[in-house]
């Protein structure tokens, strides 16, 4: 399990130790010890899948086989890096982003907002990882107009009457839209960053990526008690 990293500077160091691309900036042909560790982890995962596959039904086994194929493909690419081959996945599009600044006092918008999406872009371009999750903290009120009349954004959004779409407080609705627009801006930036990088087939990285935007809305509407 890889725990979420709330400090963008630590995330940067985890993915790009010393500010260097995969292989540590060593001359071509030099084996990458870090890639060797990743290959071992992938081999462990592949073996676990083999053990489980025989216990599954036909449909479940087929799904697992599809996933196992992806793991196998990734291991082949990582093996090349571990052996020092230049074909391990780091391409011309692999460029290490500027290091994120050290942050003080926990999860800070300004220390993560500008840096984490670009770290994601570089991690994909350098084939450091195939999966990346961005957990966005609550946008500061200064970005979207403030908490006029409410103690918190939680109180503000819950003041909306979600069961009656045609009878809303217009000012409250405008304020809430501005709040959620900040999340939409980040999602658009993620898509734009994936469009910037071209893969080996000439298509943007976004064309080869599954992107999911998950909101924090657990229950869109509760019917009134009867």
Protein backbone atom coordinates (compact mmCIF):
# COMPACT_ATOMS: atom_id res chain seq x y z
CA UNK A 1 0.00 0.00 0.00
CA UNK A 2 1.20 3.50 -0.86
CA UNK A 3 -0.18 6.05 1.56
CA UNK A 4 -1.34 9.45 0.25
CA UNK A 5 1.34 12.12 0.38
CA UNK A 6 0.06 15.52 1.51
CA UNK A 7 3.36 17.34 0.98
CA UNK A 8 4.05 18.10 -2.70
CA UNK A 9 7.79 18.45 -2.05
CA UNK A 10 7.94 14.96 -0.55
CA UNK A 11 5.89 13.59 -3.44
CA UNK A 12 8.36 15.12 -5.88
CA UNK A 13 11.31 13.56 -4.05
CA UNK A 14 9.59 10.15 -4.00
CA UNK A 15 9.04 10.15 -7.76
CA UNK A 16 12.20 12.01 -8.80
CA UNK A 17 14.91 11.37 -6.17
CA UNK A 18 17.47 14.13 -6.26
CA UNK A 19 15.48 15.87 -8.98
CA UNK A 20 16.62 13.32 -11.55
CA UNK A 21 14.64 11.27 -14.11
CA UNK A 22 14.35 7.46 -13.91
CA UNK A 23 17.82 5.94 -13.84
CA UNK A 24 19.15 8.79 -11.71
CA UNK A 25 20.63 10.58 -14.69
CA UNK A 26 23.25 7.85 -15.07
CA UNK A 27 24.81 7.23 -18.49
CA UNK A 28 22.82 5.14 -20.93
CA UNK A 29 23.24 1.44 -20.28
CA UNK A 30 23.56 1.85 -16.50
CA UNK A 31 21.13 -0.42 -14.60
CA UNK A 32 18.58 1.39 -12.45
CA UNK A 33 18.37 -0.14 -8.91
CA UNK A 34 15.04 1.60 -8.22
CA UNK A 35 13.56 0.05 -11.36
CA UNK A 36 14.78 -3.34 -10.14
CA UNK A 37 12.77 -2.91 -6.95
CA UNK A 38 9.68 -1.93 -8.93
CA UNK A 39 10.13 -4.98 -11.15
CA UNK A 40 10.25 -7.21 -8.07
CA UNK A 41 7.02 -5.68 -6.77
CA UNK A 42 5.31 -6.24 -10.12
CA UNK A 43 6.52 -9.84 -10.19
CA UNK A 44 5.01 -10.35 -6.73
CA UNK A 45 1.68 -8.93 -7.97
CA UNK A 46 1.75 -11.18 -11.05
CA UNK A 47 2.32 -14.26 -8.90
CA UNK A 48 -0.54 -13.29 -6.57
CA UNK A 49 -2.83 -13.04 -9.61
CA UNK A 50 -1.88 -16.54 -10.73
CA UNK A 51 -2.79 -17.91 -7.32
CA UNK A 52 -6.17 -16.17 -7.31
CA UNK A 53 -7.12 -16.83 -10.93
CA UNK A 54 -7.81 -20.53 -10.41
CA UNK A 55 -10.35 -19.71 -7.72
CA UNK A 56 -12.45 -17.37 -9.87
CA UNK A 57 -15.42 -17.86 -12.10
CA UNK A 58 -15.13 -17.54 -15.88
CA UNK A 59 -16.12 -13.86 -16.07
CA UNK A 60 -14.01 -12.80 -13.10
CA UNK A 61 -11.00 -14.75 -14.40
CA UNK A 62 -11.28 -12.97 -17.76
CA UNK A 63 -11.25 -9.59 -16.04
CA UNK A 64 -8.25 -10.55 -13.96
CA UNK A 65 -6.46 -11.76 -17.09
CA UNK A 66 -6.93 -8.34 -18.70
CA UNK A 67 -5.41 -6.67 -15.66
CA UNK A 68 -2.59 -9.23 -15.54
CA UNK A 69 -1.72 -8.38 -19.15
CA UNK A 70 -1.30 -4.71 -18.21
CA UNK A 71 0.92 -5.65 -15.26
CA UNK A 72 2.99 -7.90 -17.50
CA UNK A 73 3.45 -5.12 -20.06
CA UNK A 74 4.52 -2.67 -17.38
CA UNK A 75 7.00 -5.19 -15.93
CA UNK A 76 8.63 -5.65 -19.33
CA UNK A 77 9.20 -1.90 -19.58
CA UNK A 78 10.50 -1.67 -16.02
CA UNK A 79 12.80 -4.65 -16.64
CA UNK A 80 14.42 -2.73 -19.47
CA UNK A 81 15.18 0.16 -17.14
CA UNK A 82 16.51 -2.22 -14.49
CA UNK A 83 18.88 -3.70 -17.09
CA UNK A 84 20.05 -0.28 -18.26
CA UNK A 85 18.27 -0.33 -21.61
CA UNK A 86 17.36 3.09 -23.02
CA UNK A 87 14.02 1.63 -24.12
CA UNK A 88 12.64 1.31 -20.63
CA UNK A 89 9.97 3.93 -21.09
CA UNK A 90 11.68 7.28 -20.49
CA UNK A 91 11.17 9.11 -23.76
CA UNK A 92 11.98 12.51 -25.16
CA UNK A 93 8.85 13.79 -23.42
CA UNK A 94 10.34 12.86 -20.02
CA UNK A 95 11.21 16.17 -18.37
CA UNK A 96 11.52 16.54 -14.61
CA UNK A 97 9.32 19.43 -13.38
CA UNK A 98 10.59 22.13 -11.02
CA UNK A 99 10.83 20.88 -7.46
CA UNK A 100 7.82 21.74 -5.31
CA UNK A 101 8.60 24.09 -2.41
CA UNK A 102 8.72 22.78 1.12
CA UNK A 103 5.44 23.44 2.85
CA UNK A 104 4.80 24.21 6.49
CA UNK A 105 1.72 23.39 8.52
CA UNK A 106 0.22 20.46 6.63
CA UNK A 107 -1.86 20.49 3.48
CA UNK A 108 -1.56 23.97 1.89
CA UNK A 109 -3.40 24.97 -1.28
CA UNK A 110 -0.65 27.20 -2.70
CA UNK A 111 2.04 24.59 -2.07
CA UNK A 112 0.20 21.77 -3.82
CA UNK A 113 -2.27 23.25 -6.29
CA UNK A 114 0.33 24.47 -8.79
CA UNK A 115 2.75 21.59 -8.49
CA UNK A 116 0.97 18.25 -8.10
CA UNK A 117 -0.70 18.22 -11.56
CA UNK A 118 2.68 18.86 -13.22
CA UNK A 119 4.34 16.19 -11.11
CA UNK A 120 1.61 13.84 -12.39
CA UNK A 121 2.34 14.83 -15.99
CA UNK A 122 6.07 14.21 -15.61
CA UNK A 123 5.56 10.92 -13.75
CA UNK A 124 3.49 9.59 -16.66
CA UNK A 125 5.83 10.96 -19.32
CA UNK A 126 8.83 9.39 -17.58
CA UNK A 127 6.94 6.11 -17.05
CA UNK A 128 7.52 6.31 -13.30
CA UNK A 129 3.95 5.18 -12.65
CA UNK A 130 0.77 4.30 -14.53
CA UNK A 131 -1.67 5.41 -11.83
CA UNK A 132 -1.95 8.80 -10.16
CA UNK A 133 -4.60 10.14 -7.78
CA UNK A 134 -4.95 13.82 -6.91
CA UNK A 135 -6.94 14.65 -3.80
CA UNK A 136 -7.82 18.33 -3.89
CA UNK A 137 -8.31 20.24 -0.68
CA UNK A 138 -11.01 22.85 -0.24
CA UNK A 139 -10.32 25.99 -2.32
CA UNK A 140 -9.61 29.09 -0.21
CA UNK A 141 -12.57 31.49 -0.04
CA UNK A 142 -10.42 34.27 -1.52
CA UNK A 143 -10.54 32.47 -4.88
CA UNK A 144 -14.28 32.28 -5.30
CA UNK A 145 -15.88 35.15 -3.42
CA UNK A 146 -15.84 34.19 0.23
CA UNK A 147 -18.23 32.81 2.82
CA UNK A 148 -20.71 35.65 3.01
CA UNK A 149 -23.21 34.77 5.71
CA UNK A 150 -21.92 31.22 6.33
CA UNK A 151 -19.53 29.77 8.87
CA UNK A 152 -18.01 27.27 6.42
CA UNK A 153 -18.31 25.97 2.87
CA UNK A 154 -19.88 22.83 4.32
CA UNK A 155 -22.66 24.94 5.78
CA UNK A 156 -22.96 26.92 2.56
CA UNK A 157 -23.44 23.99 0.17
CA UNK A 158 -25.82 22.23 2.55
CA UNK A 159 -27.98 25.34 2.59
CA UNK A 160 -28.97 24.52 -1.01
CA UNK A 161 -32.29 22.75 -1.33
CA UNK A 162 -31.18 19.85 -3.53
CA UNK A 163 -34.65 18.32 -3.60
CA UNK A 164 -36.14 21.43 -5.24
CA UNK A 165 -34.15 22.49 -8.30
CA UNK A 166 -36.60 25.24 -9.29
CA UNK A 167 -36.69 27.08 -5.99
CA UNK A 168 -33.14 27.99 -5.06
CA UNK A 169 -31.59 31.02 -3.43
CA UNK A 170 -30.02 32.65 -6.51
CA UNK A 171 -27.14 34.26 -4.62
CA UNK A 172 -26.36 31.04 -2.79
CA UNK A 173 -26.43 29.07 -6.03
CA UNK A 174 -24.03 31.54 -7.68
CA UNK A 175 -21.71 31.36 -4.70
CA UNK A 176 -21.72 27.57 -4.67
CA UNK A 177 -21.08 27.39 -8.41
CA UNK A 178 -18.06 29.66 -7.99
CA UNK A 179 -16.77 27.34 -5.26
CA UNK A 180 -17.07 24.19 -7.39
CA UNK A 181 -15.68 25.98 -10.45
CA UNK A 182 -12.29 25.96 -8.72
CA UNK A 183 -12.41 22.15 -8.73
CA UNK A 184 -13.41 22.16 -12.40
CA UNK A 185 -10.42 24.38 -13.25
CA UNK A 186 -8.06 21.80 -11.76
CA UNK A 187 -9.69 18.95 -13.64
CA UNK A 188 -9.39 20.92 -16.90
CA UNK A 189 -5.72 21.57 -16.15
CA UNK A 190 -5.12 17.84 -15.64
CA UNK A 191 -6.71 17.11 -19.02
CA UNK A 192 -4.69 19.90 -20.69
CA UNK A 193 -1.43 18.56 -19.22
CA UNK A 194 -2.21 15.08 -20.55
CA UNK A 195 -2.91 16.61 -23.97
CA UNK A 196 0.48 18.35 -24.00
CA UNK A 197 2.52 15.12 -23.96
CA UNK A 198 2.73 13.10 -27.17
CA UNK A 199 3.09 9.33 -27.00
CA UNK A 200 5.19 7.18 -29.34
CA UNK A 201 2.24 6.87 -31.76
CA UNK A 202 2.00 10.65 -32.01
CA UNK A 203 -1.25 10.87 -30.11
CA UNK A 204 -1.65 12.88 -26.88
CA UNK A 205 -1.21 10.99 -23.64
CA UNK A 206 -4.84 11.75 -22.78
CA UNK A 207 -5.90 9.43 -25.63
CA UNK A 208 -4.28 6.53 -23.74
CA UNK A 209 -5.46 7.50 -20.26
CA UNK A 210 -8.59 6.75 -18.27
CA UNK A 211 -9.47 9.83 -16.20
CA UNK A 212 -12.04 9.82 -13.39
CA UNK A 213 -13.28 12.91 -11.56
CA UNK A 214 -14.84 11.82 -8.29
CA UNK A 215 -16.77 14.41 -6.33
CA UNK A 216 -17.44 14.49 -2.61
CA UNK A 217 -21.19 14.26 -3.05
CA UNK A 218 -22.13 11.00 -1.38
CA UNK A 219 -25.90 11.35 -1.60
CA UNK A 220 -27.34 13.83 -4.15
CA UNK A 221 -30.74 14.10 -2.59
CA UNK A 222 -32.69 12.67 0.31
CA UNK A 223 -36.44 12.39 -0.27
CA UNK A 224 -38.58 14.02 2.39
CA UNK A 225 -39.85 11.77 5.15
CA UNK A 226 -43.40 10.52 4.71
